[in-house]
N, C-alpha and C. Protein backbone atom coordinates (compact mmCIF):
# COMPACT_ATOMS: atom_id res chain seq x y z
N MET A 1 -21.85 -20.79 -22.54
CA MET A 1 -20.36 -21.16 -23.45
C MET A 1 -19.21 -21.68 -22.65
N ARG A 2 -18.49 -22.57 -23.23
CA ARG A 2 -17.19 -23.03 -22.49
C ARG A 2 -16.60 -22.00 -22.52
N ARG A 3 -15.83 -21.24 -21.72
CA ARG A 3 -14.80 -20.90 -20.95
C ARG A 3 -13.40 -21.27 -21.05
N LEU A 4 -12.06 -20.25 -21.51
CA LEU A 4 -10.62 -21.00 -20.97
C LEU A 4 -10.52 -19.97 -20.38
N TRP A 5 -9.95 -20.39 -18.65
CA TRP A 5 -8.90 -19.31 -18.28
C TRP A 5 -7.86 -18.94 -18.13
N ILE A 6 -7.75 -18.13 -17.77
CA ILE A 6 -6.21 -17.37 -17.48
C ILE A 6 -6.26 -16.77 -15.75
N HIS A 7 -5.12 -17.03 -14.99
CA HIS A 7 -5.69 -16.23 -13.46
C HIS A 7 -4.28 -15.67 -13.21
N ARG A 8 -4.37 -14.98 -11.96
CA ARG A 8 -2.81 -13.98 -11.39
C ARG A 8 -3.07 -13.81 -10.07
N THR A 9 -2.18 -14.23 -9.51
CA THR A 9 -2.25 -13.57 -7.97
C THR A 9 -1.83 -12.61 -7.91
N ILE A 10 -2.99 -11.36 -7.45
CA ILE A 10 -1.98 -9.77 -7.18
C ILE A 10 -2.09 -9.45 -5.88
N ASP A 11 -1.01 -8.99 -4.83
CA ASP A 11 -1.18 -8.31 -4.22
C ASP A 11 -2.05 -7.36 -4.11
N ALA A 12 -3.32 -6.85 -3.40
CA ALA A 12 -3.64 -5.92 -3.31
C ALA A 12 -5.15 -6.44 -3.19
N GLN A 13 -5.87 -5.42 -2.55
CA GLN A 13 -7.26 -5.80 -1.73
C GLN A 13 -8.11 -6.05 -2.74
N PRO A 14 -8.86 -6.96 -3.18
CA PRO A 14 -10.10 -7.09 -3.50
C PRO A 14 -11.02 -6.41 -4.75
N ASP A 15 -10.85 -5.34 -3.29
CA ASP A 15 -12.24 -4.44 -3.57
C ASP A 15 -11.14 -3.53 -4.72
N VAL A 16 -10.43 -3.26 -4.50
CA VAL A 16 -9.23 -2.61 -5.38
C VAL A 16 -9.65 -2.92 -6.74
N LEU A 17 -9.32 -4.38 -6.96
CA LEU A 17 -9.50 -5.35 -8.51
C LEU A 17 -10.74 -4.92 -8.64
N TRP A 18 -11.55 -6.07 -8.22
CA TRP A 18 -12.82 -4.69 -8.52
C TRP A 18 -13.32 -3.91 -9.04
N ARG A 19 -13.03 -2.93 -8.32
CA ARG A 19 -13.44 -1.00 -9.23
C ARG A 19 -12.70 -1.38 -10.33
N LEU A 20 -11.84 -1.62 -10.01
CA LEU A 20 -10.71 -1.34 -11.40
C LEU A 20 -11.23 -2.46 -13.07
N LEU A 21 -11.54 -3.44 -12.58
CA LEU A 21 -12.57 -4.58 -13.67
C LEU A 21 -13.95 -3.50 -13.52
N THR A 22 -14.80 -3.23 -12.40
CA THR A 22 -16.15 -2.55 -12.93
C THR A 22 -15.80 -1.44 -13.47
N ASP A 23 -15.04 -0.44 -13.60
CA ASP A 23 -15.13 1.14 -13.72
C ASP A 23 -14.69 1.24 -15.27
N PRO A 24 -15.78 1.60 -16.11
CA PRO A 24 -15.15 1.54 -17.44
C PRO A 24 -14.05 2.31 -17.86
N ALA A 25 -14.18 3.46 -16.76
CA ALA A 25 -13.01 4.49 -17.32
C ALA A 25 -11.44 4.23 -16.90
N GLN A 26 -11.72 3.37 -15.90
CA GLN A 26 -10.39 2.47 -15.35
C GLN A 26 -9.94 1.74 -17.03
N TRP A 27 -10.60 1.04 -17.39
CA TRP A 27 -9.99 0.13 -18.60
C TRP A 27 -8.85 0.28 -19.81
N PRO A 28 -9.06 1.08 -20.25
CA PRO A 28 -7.74 2.16 -21.08
C PRO A 28 -6.69 1.78 -20.33
N MET A 29 -6.53 1.70 -18.70
CA MET A 29 -5.38 1.67 -17.93
C MET A 29 -4.41 -0.13 -18.27
N TRP A 30 -5.51 -0.44 -18.25
CA TRP A 30 -4.75 -2.10 -18.21
C TRP A 30 -5.65 -2.92 -19.15
N GLY A 31 -6.20 -2.57 -19.73
CA GLY A 31 -6.87 -3.13 -20.96
C GLY A 31 -5.81 -2.88 -22.66
N PRO A 32 -5.34 -3.77 -22.97
CA PRO A 32 -4.43 -3.50 -24.22
C PRO A 32 -5.54 -3.30 -25.24
N THR A 33 -6.91 -3.39 -25.56
CA THR A 33 -7.23 -3.03 -26.62
C THR A 33 -8.14 -2.41 -26.28
N VAL A 34 -8.30 -1.58 -25.51
CA VAL A 34 -9.15 -0.74 -25.17
C VAL A 34 -9.05 0.98 -25.30
N ARG A 35 -9.50 1.77 -26.14
CA ARG A 35 -8.92 2.67 -26.21
C ARG A 35 -9.81 4.13 -24.88
N SER A 36 -11.49 3.37 -24.82
CA SER A 36 -12.33 4.13 -24.15
C SER A 36 -13.82 3.05 -23.96
N ALA A 37 -14.45 3.49 -23.03
CA ALA A 37 -15.34 2.97 -23.18
C ALA A 37 -16.60 3.47 -21.82
N GLU A 38 -17.58 3.32 -22.11
CA GLU A 38 -19.06 4.10 -20.92
C GLU A 38 -19.89 2.73 -21.09
N VAL A 39 -20.84 2.89 -20.06
CA VAL A 39 -21.70 2.43 -19.37
C VAL A 39 -23.06 3.26 -19.41
N ASP A 40 -24.09 2.88 -20.30
CA ASP A 40 -24.93 3.32 -20.02
C ASP A 40 -26.03 3.67 -18.85
N GLY A 41 -25.94 4.91 -18.00
CA GLY A 41 -26.67 4.53 -16.59
C GLY A 41 -25.04 4.82 -15.36
N LYS A 42 -25.47 4.95 -14.66
CA LYS A 42 -24.51 5.22 -13.41
C LYS A 42 -23.31 3.67 -13.31
N ARG A 43 -23.58 2.64 -13.16
CA ARG A 43 -22.65 1.32 -13.25
C ARG A 43 -22.99 0.20 -13.71
N LEU A 44 -21.76 -0.85 -13.98
CA LEU A 44 -21.85 -1.90 -14.66
C LEU A 44 -22.57 -2.73 -13.06
N GLU A 45 -23.63 -3.55 -13.83
CA GLU A 45 -25.02 -4.37 -13.67
C GLU A 45 -25.02 -5.45 -13.89
N ARG A 46 -25.93 -6.20 -13.95
CA ARG A 46 -26.40 -7.27 -14.86
C ARG A 46 -27.29 -5.82 -15.83
N GLY A 47 -26.94 -6.25 -17.19
CA GLY A 47 -28.24 -5.98 -18.10
C GLY A 47 -27.82 -4.55 -18.35
N SER A 48 -26.06 -3.78 -18.41
CA SER A 48 -25.50 -2.54 -18.64
C SER A 48 -25.83 -3.06 -19.53
N THR A 49 -25.65 -1.80 -20.17
CA THR A 49 -24.91 -1.86 -21.91
C THR A 49 -24.18 -0.58 -21.83
N GLY A 50 -23.57 -0.30 -22.93
CA GLY A 50 -22.69 0.87 -23.38
C GLY A 50 -21.93 0.62 -24.85
N SER A 51 -20.44 1.16 -24.48
CA SER A 51 -19.73 1.31 -25.62
C SER A 51 -18.67 1.09 -25.11
N VAL A 52 -17.67 0.46 -25.97
CA VAL A 52 -16.55 0.15 -26.15
C VAL A 52 -15.83 0.42 -27.71
N THR A 53 -14.59 1.57 -26.86
CA THR A 53 -13.65 1.98 -28.10
C THR A 53 -12.30 0.89 -28.46
N SER A 54 -12.25 0.26 -29.39
CA SER A 54 -10.68 0.02 -29.14
C SER A 54 -9.58 0.63 -29.90
N VAL A 55 -8.19 0.22 -29.48
CA VAL A 55 -7.13 1.23 -29.93
C VAL A 55 -7.46 1.70 -31.46
N VAL A 56 -7.51 0.56 -32.05
CA VAL A 56 -8.00 1.52 -33.25
C VAL A 56 -8.63 2.13 -33.52
N GLY A 57 -9.98 2.04 -32.55
CA GLY A 57 -11.08 3.58 -33.06
C GLY A 57 -11.98 2.70 -33.14
N VAL A 58 -12.82 1.86 -33.56
CA VAL A 58 -14.04 1.03 -33.87
C VAL A 58 -14.19 1.25 -32.18
N SER A 59 -15.53 1.54 -32.20
CA SER A 59 -16.47 1.46 -31.40
C SER A 59 -17.66 0.19 -31.28
N LEU A 60 -17.64 -0.02 -30.30
CA LEU A 60 -18.83 -1.29 -30.12
C LEU A 60 -19.85 -1.50 -29.27
N PRO A 61 -21.00 -1.68 -29.42
CA PRO A 61 -21.62 -1.81 -28.29
C PRO A 61 -21.55 -2.88 -27.38
N PHE A 62 -21.73 -3.15 -25.78
CA PHE A 62 -21.58 -4.34 -25.25
C PHE A 62 -22.87 -4.28 -24.07
N GLU A 63 -23.09 -5.61 -23.48
CA GLU A 63 -24.35 -5.66 -22.50
C GLU A 63 -23.70 -6.57 -21.83
N VAL A 64 -23.87 -6.25 -20.40
CA VAL A 64 -22.87 -7.31 -19.49
C VAL A 64 -24.19 -8.18 -18.67
N THR A 65 -24.09 -10.04 -19.06
CA THR A 65 -24.38 -11.02 -18.96
C THR A 65 -24.67 -11.32 -17.77
N ASP A 66 -23.56 -11.11 -16.98
CA ASP A 66 -23.29 -11.74 -15.60
C ASP A 66 -22.85 -10.76 -14.59
N TYR A 67 -23.38 -10.82 -13.83
CA TYR A 67 -22.56 -10.23 -12.56
C TYR A 67 -22.96 -10.50 -11.38
N VAL A 68 -22.09 -10.50 -10.50
CA VAL A 68 -21.89 -11.14 -8.58
C VAL A 68 -20.92 -9.90 -8.65
N GLU A 69 -21.93 -9.02 -7.64
CA GLU A 69 -21.12 -7.53 -6.99
C GLU A 69 -19.74 -8.74 -5.96
N GLY A 70 -18.72 -7.82 -6.53
CA GLY A 70 -17.22 -8.34 -5.79
C GLY A 70 -16.74 -9.43 -6.27
N THR A 71 -17.64 -10.36 -7.48
CA THR A 71 -17.30 -11.58 -7.61
C THR A 71 -16.48 -11.61 -9.06
N ARG A 72 -17.65 -11.62 -10.23
CA ARG A 72 -17.60 -12.08 -11.27
C ARG A 72 -18.49 -11.03 -12.05
N TRP A 73 -17.99 -10.77 -13.58
CA TRP A 73 -19.01 -10.15 -14.46
C TRP A 73 -18.04 -11.26 -16.08
N ALA A 74 -19.48 -11.09 -16.78
CA ALA A 74 -19.26 -11.37 -18.18
C ALA A 74 -20.03 -9.97 -18.55
N TRP A 75 -19.67 -10.09 -20.03
CA TRP A 75 -20.61 -9.06 -21.09
C TRP A 75 -20.49 -9.91 -22.26
N ARG A 76 -21.64 -9.32 -23.60
CA ARG A 76 -21.52 -9.42 -25.12
C ARG A 76 -20.64 -8.20 -25.73
N VAL A 77 -20.41 -8.49 -26.27
CA VAL A 77 -19.45 -7.30 -27.02
C VAL A 77 -20.24 -7.44 -28.89
N ALA A 78 -20.92 -6.26 -29.31
CA ALA A 78 -21.28 -6.60 -30.85
C ALA A 78 -22.14 -8.03 -30.89
N GLY A 79 -23.01 -8.35 -29.32
CA GLY A 79 -23.43 -9.49 -29.54
C GLY A 79 -22.77 -10.53 -29.58
N ILE A 80 -21.61 -10.27 -29.33
CA ILE A 80 -20.64 -12.01 -29.41
C ILE A 80 -20.26 -12.10 -28.14
N ASP A 81 -20.10 -13.12 -27.45
CA ASP A 81 -20.01 -13.73 -26.16
C ASP A 81 -18.54 -13.31 -25.50
N ALA A 82 -18.26 -12.59 -25.00
CA ALA A 82 -16.40 -12.07 -25.01
C ALA A 82 -16.11 -12.53 -23.10
N THR A 83 -14.87 -11.67 -23.19
CA THR A 83 -14.30 -12.30 -21.71
C THR A 83 -15.02 -11.89 -20.88
N GLY A 84 -15.06 -13.22 -19.90
CA GLY A 84 -15.55 -13.37 -18.49
C GLY A 84 -14.39 -12.76 -17.50
N HIS A 85 -14.73 -11.88 -16.06
CA HIS A 85 -13.61 -11.33 -15.18
C HIS A 85 -14.36 -11.79 -13.74
N THR A 86 -12.60 -12.79 -12.99
CA THR A 86 -13.45 -12.81 -11.75
C THR A 86 -12.69 -12.61 -10.88
N VAL A 87 -12.96 -11.87 -9.70
CA VAL A 87 -12.03 -11.52 -8.65
C VAL A 87 -12.00 -12.78 -7.21
N GLN A 88 -11.22 -13.12 -6.91
CA GLN A 88 -11.29 -14.41 -5.56
C GLN A 88 -10.59 -14.12 -4.48
N PRO A 89 -11.28 -13.54 -3.72
CA PRO A 89 -10.26 -13.01 -2.05
C PRO A 89 -8.98 -13.98 -1.70
N ILE A 90 -8.20 -14.22 -1.42
CA ILE A 90 -7.31 -14.77 -1.00
C ILE A 90 -6.74 -14.28 0.44
N GLY A 91 -7.03 -13.61 0.90
CA GLY A 91 -6.47 -12.78 1.98
C GLY A 91 -6.83 -11.23 1.82
N PRO A 92 -6.50 -10.95 3.43
CA PRO A 92 -7.24 -9.21 3.13
C PRO A 92 -6.49 -8.24 2.13
N ASP A 93 -5.04 -8.66 1.63
CA ASP A 93 -4.21 -7.61 0.82
C ASP A 93 -3.91 -8.78 -0.32
N ARG A 94 -4.64 -9.40 -0.92
CA ARG A 94 -4.56 -10.49 -2.23
C ARG A 94 -5.47 -11.12 -2.78
N CYS A 95 -5.51 -11.55 -4.19
CA CYS A 95 -6.19 -11.90 -4.57
C CYS A 95 -5.94 -12.36 -5.94
N ARG A 96 -6.87 -13.62 -6.40
CA ARG A 96 -6.83 -14.40 -7.60
C ARG A 96 -7.55 -13.36 -8.32
N VAL A 97 -6.79 -13.24 -9.77
CA VAL A 97 -8.01 -12.44 -10.56
C VAL A 97 -8.13 -13.19 -11.68
N GLY A 98 -9.19 -13.19 -12.58
CA GLY A 98 -9.17 -14.27 -13.65
C GLY A 98 -9.71 -13.77 -15.29
N PHE A 99 -9.33 -14.14 -16.31
CA PHE A 99 -10.01 -13.80 -17.05
C PHE A 99 -10.45 -14.78 -17.97
N GLY A 100 -11.87 -14.89 -18.39
CA GLY A 100 -12.23 -16.21 -20.12
C GLY A 100 -12.53 -16.19 -20.92
N VAL A 101 -12.41 -16.38 -21.72
CA VAL A 101 -12.74 -16.15 -23.36
C VAL A 101 -13.51 -17.44 -23.52
N PRO A 102 -14.79 -17.63 -24.23
CA PRO A 102 -15.35 -18.25 -25.09
C PRO A 102 -13.52 -19.11 -25.61
N TRP A 103 -14.19 -20.62 -26.14
CA TRP A 103 -12.98 -21.45 -26.52
C TRP A 103 -12.98 -21.03 -28.09
N PRO A 104 -13.08 -20.73 -28.88
CA PRO A 104 -13.02 -20.45 -29.94
C PRO A 104 -12.12 -19.04 -30.02
N PHE A 105 -11.63 -18.23 -28.83
CA PHE A 105 -11.54 -17.29 -28.80
C PHE A 105 -10.11 -17.30 -28.09
N ALA A 106 -9.55 -18.26 -28.24
CA ALA A 106 -8.27 -18.50 -26.93
C ALA A 106 -7.21 -18.23 -27.61
N PRO A 107 -6.78 -17.46 -28.72
CA PRO A 107 -5.75 -16.87 -28.95
C PRO A 107 -5.74 -15.62 -28.10
N TYR A 108 -7.16 -15.22 -27.63
CA TYR A 108 -7.31 -13.59 -26.73
C TYR A 108 -6.30 -13.97 -25.30
N LEU A 109 -6.21 -15.10 -25.33
CA LEU A 109 -5.89 -15.16 -23.68
C LEU A 109 -4.04 -14.53 -23.77
N ALA A 110 -3.70 -14.93 -24.78
CA ALA A 110 -2.31 -13.54 -24.92
C ALA A 110 -2.81 -12.12 -24.09
N VAL A 111 -3.41 -11.39 -24.81
CA VAL A 111 -4.05 -10.12 -24.59
C VAL A 111 -4.68 -10.32 -23.41
N CYS A 112 -5.09 -11.14 -23.00
CA CYS A 112 -5.56 -11.60 -21.35
C CYS A 112 -4.12 -11.45 -20.61
N ARG A 113 -3.92 -12.03 -21.03
CA ARG A 113 -1.91 -12.05 -19.66
C ARG A 113 -1.29 -10.59 -20.08
N VAL A 114 -1.38 -10.17 -21.08
CA VAL A 114 -0.99 -8.45 -20.54
C VAL A 114 -2.03 -8.19 -20.12
N ALA A 115 -3.00 -7.84 -20.10
CA ALA A 115 -4.19 -7.16 -18.84
C ALA A 115 -3.77 -7.67 -17.80
N LEU A 116 -3.97 -9.13 -17.26
CA LEU A 116 -3.32 -8.79 -15.96
C LEU A 116 -1.82 -8.27 -15.65
N THR A 117 -1.27 -8.65 -16.30
CA THR A 117 0.14 -7.75 -15.41
C THR A 117 0.10 -6.30 -15.36
N ARG A 118 -1.04 -5.89 -16.43
CA ARG A 118 -1.07 -4.40 -16.11
C ARG A 118 -2.03 -3.98 -15.17
N LEU A 119 -2.91 -4.96 -15.07
CA LEU A 119 -3.62 -4.77 -13.94
C LEU A 119 -2.85 -4.84 -12.54
N ASP A 120 -1.83 -6.03 -12.60
CA ASP A 120 -1.46 -6.35 -11.09
C ASP A 120 -0.37 -4.96 -10.79
N ALA A 121 0.14 -3.89 -11.75
CA ALA A 121 0.88 -2.80 -11.59
C ALA A 121 0.00 -1.67 -11.72
N VAL A 122 -1.42 -1.94 -11.97
CA VAL A 122 -2.18 -0.61 -11.44
C VAL A 122 -2.72 -0.78 -10.04
N ALA A 123 -3.14 -1.94 -9.91
CA ALA A 123 -3.40 -2.21 -8.47
C ALA A 123 -2.33 -1.97 -7.56
N ARG A 124 -1.19 -2.27 -7.44
CA ARG A 124 -0.02 -2.31 -6.66
C ARG A 124 -0.10 -0.49 -6.31
N SER A 125 -0.74 0.23 -7.37
CA SER A 125 -0.45 1.64 -7.22
C SER A 125 -1.26 2.33 -6.12
N VAL A 126 -2.34 1.76 -6.12
CA VAL A 126 -3.39 2.07 -5.79
C VAL A 126 -3.32 1.58 -4.02
N ALA A 127 -3.37 3.23 -3.07
CA ALA A 127 -2.84 2.98 -1.17
C ALA A 127 -3.68 2.26 -1.18
N SER A 128 -5.06 2.70 -1.20
CA SER A 128 -6.04 1.72 -0.08
C SER A 128 -7.54 1.86 -0.99
N PRO A 129 -8.40 1.29 -0.45
CA PRO A 129 -9.43 0.99 -1.62
C PRO A 129 -10.74 1.83 -1.98
N THR A 130 -10.16 3.16 -0.47
CA THR A 130 -11.14 4.26 -0.44
C THR A 130 -10.72 5.34 -1.02
N GLU A 131 -9.39 5.35 -1.70
CA GLU A 131 -8.78 6.30 -2.72
C GLU A 131 -9.68 6.34 -3.76
N ASP A 132 -10.04 7.37 -4.38
CA ASP A 132 -10.50 7.71 -5.72
C ASP A 132 -8.88 7.23 -6.65
N LEU A 133 -9.62 6.47 -7.88
CA LEU A 133 -8.26 6.03 -8.48
C LEU A 133 -8.53 6.74 -9.65
């Protein structure tokens, strides 16, 4: 499905951004619509399943439909194609992060803009990619 994208350049190491995007425990820190999330198994990867709980308390199942380590991942939530996520290094301490939504959900890009702002703040607060978040 065709996606519409929003991007932001963030002054942080790509590994930091990738960890924030792929660790469900971190999603509530930057995701305006996420109260909690958990993945079945140890880590996010193609085919992973889990659940995400919205800020209004609705818990929905998800499945990771695309995953390229350090670069991109996408998912289906409640059986519906949802957000795509990308990290593109543009220097050792700088990257371009993007969220893409299926075109019928274009208004959700406003939420993604808030998420990118929060993600920027969280990433800048992390001193190095080897420290625990």
